[in-house]
Protein backbone atom coordinates (compact mmCIF):
# COMPACT_ATOMS: atom_id res chain seq x y z
CA UNK A 1 -37.57 -38.24 -15.58
CA UNK A 2 -34.47 -39.39 -14.71
CA UNK A 3 -33.25 -38.98 -10.89
CA UNK A 4 -30.21 -36.98 -12.45
CA UNK A 5 -32.74 -34.60 -14.17
CA UNK A 6 -34.74 -34.06 -11.05
CA UNK A 7 -31.46 -32.98 -9.29
CA UNK A 8 -30.63 -30.68 -11.86
CA UNK A 9 -33.97 -28.85 -11.84
CA UNK A 10 -33.80 -28.59 -7.76
CA UNK A 11 -30.53 -26.61 -8.29
CA UNK A 12 -31.05 -24.70 -11.08
CA UNK A 13 -34.80 -23.67 -10.66
CA UNK A 14 -34.22 -21.35 -7.47
CA UNK A 15 -31.14 -19.75 -9.18
CA UNK A 16 -33.00 -19.01 -12.22
CA UNK A 17 -35.76 -17.09 -10.17
CA UNK A 18 -33.16 -15.22 -8.30
CA UNK A 19 -31.50 -14.39 -11.65
CA UNK A 20 -34.74 -13.32 -12.94
CA UNK A 21 -35.47 -11.11 -10.15
CA UNK A 22 -31.96 -9.46 -10.18
CA UNK A 23 -32.06 -8.95 -13.97
CA UNK A 24 -35.64 -7.61 -14.32
CA UNK A 25 -36.37 -5.93 -10.84
CA UNK A 26 -39.45 -8.09 -10.25
CA UNK A 27 -41.05 -8.00 -7.02
CA UNK A 28 -41.09 -11.14 -4.85
CA UNK A 29 -44.39 -11.23 -3.26
CA UNK A 30 -44.39 -12.75 0.46
CA UNK A 31 -47.94 -13.05 1.23
CA UNK A 32 -47.99 -14.33 4.81
CA UNK A 33 -45.73 -11.29 5.83
CA UNK A 34 -48.46 -9.02 3.93
CA UNK A 35 -45.83 -6.82 2.23
CA UNK A 36 -43.36 -7.26 -0.64
CA UNK A 37 -39.97 -7.23 -1.28
CA UNK A 38 -37.69 -6.09 -4.06
CA UNK A 39 -33.88 -6.91 -4.70
CA UNK A 40 -31.93 -3.91 -5.81
CA UNK A 41 -28.07 -3.91 -7.22
CA UNK A 42 -26.88 -0.48 -6.24
CA UNK A 43 -24.34 0.56 -8.77
CA UNK A 44 -21.97 3.79 -8.70
CA UNK A 45 -23.00 6.72 -10.65
CA UNK A 46 -21.20 6.83 -14.21
CA UNK A 47 -17.75 8.30 -14.18
CA UNK A 48 -17.28 8.00 -10.87
CA UNK A 49 -13.84 6.39 -9.41
CA UNK A 50 -14.33 3.18 -7.74
CA UNK A 51 -12.64 2.09 -4.71
CA UNK A 52 -10.37 4.89 -4.66
CA UNK A 53 -9.25 6.29 -0.98
CA UNK A 54 -10.00 9.89 0.21
CA UNK A 55 -7.70 12.64 -0.57
CA UNK A 56 -7.11 14.56 2.60
CA UNK A 57 -5.83 18.53 2.51
CA UNK A 58 -6.65 21.19 0.29
CA UNK A 59 -8.87 19.94 -3.27
CA UNK A 60 -7.10 21.63 -5.19
CA UNK A 61 -5.66 19.52 -7.79
CA UNK A 62 -2.47 21.59 -8.78
CA UNK A 63 -1.26 20.65 -5.11
CA UNK A 64 1.25 17.96 -5.35
CA UNK A 65 -0.45 14.41 -4.01
CA UNK A 66 1.45 11.90 -1.73
CA UNK A 67 -0.28 8.58 -1.46
CA UNK A 68 1.26 6.45 1.27
CA UNK A 69 0.76 2.86 1.53
CA UNK A 70 0.95 1.02 5.09
CA UNK A 71 2.26 -2.35 3.97
CA UNK A 72 0.81 -5.69 4.48
CA UNK A 73 -2.76 -5.57 6.16
CA UNK A 74 -5.77 -8.27 6.36
CA UNK A 75 -4.75 -11.70 6.41
CA UNK A 76 -1.28 -10.73 5.88
CA UNK A 77 0.38 -9.17 9.30
CA UNK A 78 3.87 -9.18 8.05
CA UNK A 79 6.93 -9.28 10.56
CA UNK A 80 5.98 -9.94 14.12
CA UNK A 81 7.67 -9.81 17.38
CA UNK A 82 7.58 -8.77 21.26
CA UNK A 83 3.87 -7.94 21.06
CA UNK A 84 3.56 -6.00 17.78
CA UNK A 85 2.41 -6.90 14.25
CA UNK A 86 3.72 -4.98 11.35
CA UNK A 87 0.63 -4.37 9.81
CA UNK A 88 -0.61 -2.47 12.69
CA UNK A 89 2.46 -0.42 13.49
CA UNK A 90 2.97 0.80 9.95
CA UNK A 91 -0.91 1.91 9.63
CA UNK A 92 -0.45 4.07 12.70
CA UNK A 93 2.85 5.72 11.14
CA UNK A 94 0.91 6.47 8.02
CA UNK A 95 -1.83 7.99 9.73
CA UNK A 96 0.81 9.95 11.93
CA UNK A 97 2.65 11.52 8.93
CA UNK A 98 -1.03 12.00 7.21
CA UNK A 99 -2.01 13.97 10.23
CA UNK A 100 1.04 16.02 10.10
CA UNK A 101 0.72 16.81 6.49
CA UNK A 102 -2.82 17.80 6.86
CA UNK A 103 -2.17 19.79 9.94
CA UNK A 104 0.52 21.74 7.98
CA UNK A 105 -1.41 22.48 4.62
CA UNK A 106 -0.54 22.57 0.86
CA UNK A 107 -0.28 19.31 0.44
CA UNK A 108 -2.93 16.40 -0.47
CA UNK A 109 -2.49 13.17 1.08
CA UNK A 110 -4.04 9.73 0.72
CA UNK A 111 -3.91 6.47 2.23
CA UNK A 112 -4.26 2.92 0.51
CA UNK A 113 -5.75 1.42 3.59
CA UNK A 114 -7.36 2.89 6.54
CA UNK A 115 -7.74 -0.33 8.32
CA UNK A 116 -6.97 -3.61 8.29
CA UNK A 117 -7.71 -4.82 5.13
CA UNK A 118 -5.82 -6.99 2.33
CA UNK A 119 -4.54 -5.36 -0.89
CA UNK A 120 -2.56 -7.04 -3.54
CA UNK A 121 0.92 -5.42 -4.31
CA UNK A 122 -0.25 -4.14 -7.70
CA UNK A 123 -3.42 -2.54 -6.20
CA UNK A 124 -1.10 -0.38 -4.01
CA UNK A 125 0.78 1.27 -6.76
CA UNK A 126 -1.99 1.07 -9.09
CA UNK A 127 -4.00 3.28 -6.67
CA UNK A 128 -1.15 6.21 -6.80
CA UNK A 129 -1.23 5.91 -10.35
CA UNK A 130 -5.27 6.02 -10.84
CA UNK A 131 -5.05 9.21 -8.12
CA UNK A 132 -2.31 11.07 -10.43
CA UNK A 133 0.15 10.67 -7.48
CA UNK A 134 3.36 12.65 -7.28
CA UNK A 135 5.03 10.65 -4.86
CA UNK A 136 4.27 7.09 -3.56
CA UNK A 137 5.71 6.14 -0.13
CA UNK A 138 5.18 2.41 1.20
CA UNK A 139 5.82 2.11 5.00
CA UNK A 140 6.95 -1.27 6.38
CA UNK A 141 8.58 -2.78 9.56
CA UNK A 142 11.62 -5.21 8.97
CA UNK A 143 12.17 -8.38 10.82
CA UNK A 144 15.57 -9.89 11.58
CA UNK A 145 15.25 -13.15 9.91
CA UNK A 146 18.20 -12.70 7.12
CA UNK A 147 21.62 -14.25 7.72
CA UNK A 148 22.75 -11.00 6.54
CA UNK A 149 21.46 -9.15 9.67
CA UNK A 150 22.73 -9.32 13.13
CA UNK A 151 20.22 -11.52 14.45
CA UNK A 152 17.99 -9.91 17.14
CA UNK A 153 20.25 -6.82 17.30
CA UNK A 154 19.62 -5.55 13.91
CA UNK A 155 17.70 -2.01 14.22
CA UNK A 156 17.29 1.16 12.60
CA UNK A 157 15.28 2.29 9.50
CA UNK A 158 16.08 1.71 5.86
CA UNK A 159 15.18 3.18 2.54
CA UNK A 160 14.34 0.94 -0.51
CA UNK A 161 14.34 2.69 -4.17
CA UNK A 162 13.49 0.47 -7.20
CA UNK A 163 16.28 -1.16 -9.18
CA UNK A 164 16.45 -4.02 -11.52
CA UNK A 165 19.60 -5.50 -10.04
CA UNK A 166 19.84 -5.92 -5.93
CA UNK A 167 21.87 -3.72 -4.02
CA UNK A 168 22.90 -6.64 -2.22
CA UNK A 169 22.31 -10.19 -1.43
CA UNK A 170 20.16 -9.19 1.47
CA UNK A 171 18.22 -6.80 -0.70
CA UNK A 172 17.12 -9.68 -2.94
CA UNK A 173 16.43 -11.76 -0.41
CA UNK A 174 13.98 -8.95 0.99
CA UNK A 175 13.02 -8.31 -2.36
CA UNK A 176 12.02 -12.16 -2.85
CA UNK A 177 10.19 -12.36 0.65
CA UNK A 178 8.08 -9.01 -0.02
CA UNK A 179 6.85 -9.94 -3.72
CA UNK A 180 5.86 -13.32 -2.20
CA UNK A 181 2.89 -11.51 -0.64
CA UNK A 182 0.92 -11.55 -3.43
CA UNK A 183 0.59 -15.60 -3.33
CA UNK A 184 -2.11 -16.62 -0.83
CA UNK A 185 -2.27 -20.48 -0.44
CA UNK A 186 -0.16 -20.71 -3.34
CA UNK A 187 -2.43 -18.79 -5.67
CA UNK A 188 -0.62 -15.76 -7.59
CA UNK A 189 -2.52 -12.98 -7.53
CA UNK A 190 -0.51 -10.76 -9.50
CA UNK A 191 -2.44 -8.52 -11.66
CA UNK A 192 0.08 -6.12 -13.84
CA UNK A 193 -0.78 -5.03 -17.13
CA UNK A 194 1.05 -7.13 -19.31
CA UNK A 195 0.47 -4.81 -22.36
CA UNK A 196 2.63 -2.12 -21.00
CA UNK A 197 5.13 -1.56 -23.74
CA UNK A 198 8.50 -2.80 -21.68
CA UNK A 199 10.87 -0.04 -23.44
CA UNK A 200 8.49 2.98 -22.70
CA UNK A 201 7.98 1.39 -18.85
CA UNK A 202 12.23 1.40 -18.57
CA UNK A 203 12.23 4.80 -19.89
CA UNK A 204 9.83 6.15 -17.39
CA UNK A 205 11.06 4.02 -14.69
CA UNK A 206 14.83 5.83 -14.82
CA UNK A 207 13.23 9.18 -14.49
CA UNK A 208 10.90 8.28 -11.49
CA UNK A 209 13.77 6.15 -9.96
CA UNK A 210 16.16 9.20 -10.00
CA UNK A 211 13.12 11.44 -8.30
CA UNK A 212 13.06 8.40 -5.70
CA UNK A 213 16.52 8.49 -4.78
CA UNK A 214 16.50 12.50 -4.38
CA UNK A 215 13.47 11.73 -2.07
CA UNK A 216 15.51 9.15 -0.14
CA UNK A 217 18.66 11.49 0.18
CA UNK A 218 16.35 14.05 1.81
CA UNK A 219 14.93 11.39 4.24
CA UNK A 220 18.43 10.66 5.52
CA UNK A 221 19.33 14.21 5.58
CA UNK A 222 16.34 15.23 7.61
CA UNK A 223 16.03 11.86 9.61
CA UNK A 224 19.92 12.12 10.97
CA UNK A 225 20.10 12.76 14.62
CA UNK A 226 16.23 12.25 14.77
CA UNK A 227 15.58 8.85 13.20
CA UNK A 228 17.33 5.65 14.01
CA UNK A 229 18.97 4.49 10.70
CA UNK A 230 20.47 1.09 10.19
CA UNK A 231 23.84 1.22 9.29
CA UNK A 232 23.31 0.39 5.59
CA UNK A 233 20.15 3.06 5.51
CA UNK A 234 20.03 3.33 1.40
CA UNK A 235 19.35 0.28 -0.56
CA UNK A 236 17.76 -1.07 -3.72
CA UNK A 237 15.86 -4.13 -4.93
CA UNK A 238 13.45 -5.00 -7.36
CA UNK A 239 10.43 -4.45 -5.27
CA UNK A 240 6.74 -5.41 -6.88
CA UNK A 241 5.50 -2.44 -4.84
CA UNK A 242 7.61 0.12 -6.38
CA UNK A 243 7.24 -0.49 -9.89
CA UNK A 244 4.53 1.86 -10.88
CA UNK A 245 6.12 3.47 -14.11
CA UNK A 246 5.17 7.06 -13.83
CA UNK A 247 5.43 7.75 -9.78
CA UNK A 248 8.21 8.23 -8.02
CA UNK A 249 8.01 5.50 -5.06
CA UNK A 250 10.13 4.33 -2.25
CA UNK A 251 9.68 1.85 0.30
CA UNK A 252 10.34 2.95 4.31
CA UNK A 253 11.49 0.06 6.35
CA UNK A 254 10.77 2.18 9.65
CA UNK A 255 12.49 -0.36 11.97
CA UNK A 256 13.17 -3.66 12.95
CA UNK A 257 9.60 -5.43 14.76
CA UNK A 258 11.87 -8.11 16.07
CA UNK A 259 13.97 -5.50 18.22
CA UNK A 260 12.39 -4.56 21.11
CA UNK A 261 13.70 -0.85 21.42
CA UNK A 262 12.42 -0.34 17.52
CA UNK A 263 9.29 -1.68 18.33
CA UNK A 264 8.53 0.44 21.24
CA UNK A 265 9.86 3.70 19.43
CA UNK A 266 7.32 3.04 16.48
CA UNK A 267 4.69 2.20 19.08
CA UNK A 268 4.88 5.01 21.00
CA UNK A 269 3.20 8.60 20.51
CA UNK A 270 6.50 10.28 20.71
CA UNK A 271 8.48 8.06 18.37
CA UNK A 272 5.30 8.11 15.56
CA UNK A 273 5.48 12.14 16.05
CA UNK A 274 8.97 12.19 15.43
CA UNK A 275 8.90 10.08 12.57
CA UNK A 276 5.87 12.30 11.28
CA UNK A 277 7.49 15.36 11.59
CA UNK A 278 10.70 14.30 10.05
CA UNK A 279 9.17 12.82 7.23
CA UNK A 280 6.87 15.77 6.54
CA UNK A 281 9.86 18.02 6.42
CA UNK A 282 11.49 15.61 3.70
CA UNK A 283 8.27 15.58 1.60
CA UNK A 284 7.65 18.97 1.50
CA UNK A 285 11.45 19.88 0.76
CA UNK A 286 10.90 17.12 -2.04
CA UNK A 287 7.95 19.02 -3.80
CA UNK A 288 9.58 22.48 -3.23
CA UNK A 289 12.42 21.39 -5.38
CA UNK A 290 10.29 19.80 -7.89
CA UNK A 291 8.06 22.59 -8.31
CA UNK A 292 11.46 24.65 -8.92
CA UNK A 293 12.32 22.31 -11.55
């Protein structure tokens, strides 16, 4: 037998044994330990959703469902500055809003992530679609790295809704930066469904864009005097995370991580409570109007 054949046997025989154990559930005897070991592969029950987050609040499916998406996470920290990372701050804000809505009752809430894990952009809105969500809110923190912004003096929250044409050069640059989160080490992780009919998607998106714009207006109205907004609070861009064709979606830039005042406010219990109470009011008014329509 040639040397090459011997090397192949060395590698293939153990693999074949393991494959046999996994495939047929055979018992592997271990006489020296006086017992047998069985390798088992546990599968979910048939029909059980895989990988979907917990839904908080009432379990009545007739109640509206908000999916909150804390941006970034895991290997993708997002923006950073003055001792804070975006992925941590936005997770705290998302949990504060979830807790506020659950305490008030009547609305179901789910988070795309509840810990420091990485999700590709397509996964985020796909979670909302699979849960049959009525509204999708992605929470982020901004960075004063764009030339259009006033350096470290940039501050305040802004709200993005979907548009095929960005509302400004700064919005276009923001879209390019956020969309690149799906590329890790040069490998594109985009998992969108290419078979969806483009015309049907466009028609559906027209409706959800109108609903998202209504929600954005409510956030500004309810937040005026309570939250600190950017001088240009309403923006639009072609953001991947907002492209669910059948779920009204907005991206809320809570403030500038690079601004010490913004970062301190977002990290404080008082600032998070103010955010949660204000956003909860906007969510409730939005769903009440949708029910009336």
